[in-house]
Protein backbone atom coordinates (compact mmCIF):
# COMPACT_ATOMS: atom_id res chain seq x y z
CA MET A 1 -15.36 -23.73 -31.88
CA VAL A 2 -18.48 -21.75 -31.06
CA THR A 3 -19.20 -18.19 -32.15
CA ILE A 4 -22.04 -16.12 -30.70
CA GLY A 5 -23.17 -12.76 -32.09
CA VAL A 6 -24.48 -10.52 -29.30
CA LEU A 7 -26.28 -7.17 -29.24
CA VAL A 8 -25.15 -5.18 -26.19
CA ARG A 9 -27.05 -2.15 -24.85
CA VAL A 10 -24.91 0.11 -22.66
CA ASP A 11 -25.66 2.84 -20.15
CA PRO A 12 -25.11 6.13 -22.04
CA THR A 13 -23.48 7.69 -18.98
CA GLN A 14 -20.85 4.90 -18.89
CA GLU A 15 -20.46 4.15 -22.59
CA PRO A 16 -16.72 4.86 -23.08
CA GLU A 17 -15.75 2.96 -19.91
CA THR A 18 -18.03 0.05 -20.74
CA GLU A 19 -16.70 -0.22 -24.27
CA ALA A 20 -13.15 -0.23 -22.90
CA ARG A 21 -14.01 -2.97 -20.36
CA LEU A 22 -15.67 -5.10 -23.04
CA GLY A 23 -12.74 -4.60 -25.39
CA VAL A 24 -10.26 -6.31 -23.08
CA LEU A 25 -12.31 -9.44 -22.37
CA GLU A 26 -10.71 -12.62 -23.68
CA GLY A 27 -12.61 -14.12 -26.60
CA VAL A 28 -14.77 -11.02 -27.15
CA GLN A 29 -14.47 -8.85 -30.25
CA LEU A 30 -16.46 -5.60 -30.45
CA ILE A 31 -18.24 -4.37 -33.55
CA PRO A 32 -19.33 -0.72 -33.70
CA LEU A 33 -22.97 -0.20 -34.64
CA GLU A 34 -24.81 2.93 -35.80
CA GLU A 35 -27.52 2.61 -33.15
CA PRO A 36 -26.68 4.88 -30.17
CA HIS A 37 -25.61 3.15 -26.95
CA THR A 38 -25.46 -0.21 -28.69
CA LEU A 39 -22.50 -2.43 -29.54
CA GLY A 40 -22.14 -5.67 -31.38
CA ALA A 41 -19.97 -8.32 -29.81
CA VAL A 42 -18.66 -11.60 -31.14
CA ILE A 43 -17.91 -14.17 -28.44
CA GLN A 44 -15.72 -17.12 -29.39
CA ALA A 45 -15.14 -20.17 -27.22
CA GLU A 46 -14.20 -23.83 -27.46
CA ASP A 47 -17.75 -25.05 -26.81
CA LEU A 48 -21.29 -23.80 -26.18
CA ASP A 49 -21.01 -24.10 -22.39
CA GLU A 50 -17.89 -21.93 -22.33
CA ALA A 51 -19.48 -19.35 -24.65
CA HIS A 52 -22.61 -19.21 -22.48
CA GLU A 53 -20.50 -18.87 -19.34
CA ARG A 54 -18.55 -16.00 -20.91
CA LEU A 55 -21.80 -14.24 -21.91
CA VAL A 56 -23.54 -14.50 -18.54
CA THR A 57 -20.57 -14.05 -16.19
CA GLN A 58 -18.37 -11.59 -18.08
CA VAL A 59 -20.44 -9.61 -20.58
CA GLN A 60 -23.89 -9.36 -18.95
CA THR A 61 -22.50 -8.56 -15.49
CA LEU A 62 -20.04 -5.89 -16.61
CA PRO A 63 -20.73 -2.45 -15.10
CA GLY A 64 -22.45 -0.28 -17.70
CA VAL A 65 -24.00 -3.19 -19.63
CA LEU A 66 -27.78 -2.85 -19.46
CA CYS A 67 -28.47 -6.09 -21.33
CA ALA A 68 -26.86 -8.42 -23.84
CA TRP A 69 -28.95 -10.46 -26.30
CA PRO A 70 -27.45 -13.40 -28.15
CA LEU A 71 -28.67 -13.07 -31.75
CA HIS A 72 -26.73 -15.73 -33.61
CA THR A 73 -24.88 -18.89 -32.69
CA GLU A 74 -22.56 -20.80 -34.97
CA LEU A 75 -21.37 -24.23 -33.96
CA ALA A 76 -18.35 -25.35 -35.93
CA SER A 77 -18.03 -29.10 -35.79
CA THR A 78 -14.70 -30.82 -36.04
CA PRO A 79 -14.73 -34.08 -37.96
CA PRO A 80 -13.83 -37.08 -35.80
CA SER A 81 -10.24 -38.23 -35.90
CA HIS A 82 -9.71 -41.72 -37.33
CA ASN A 83 -6.39 -42.88 -35.88
């Protein structure tokens, strides 16, 4: 499992719509921040490639998103199975 913390800047004229669009994306959890026109997002995926794909094709390209910076990545390793 991979978790990426992302800082998302949104267009102030589209903020409510953008927040709603982000809120329904699979694997994306929003975190309200005090900074105006800025949201935190946590992206979770099975692996780093899937998390990156979700960031660049779903979050960064969403109407109203000005930019999205990945700030933290956590790679959870699964111990190998010994069958």
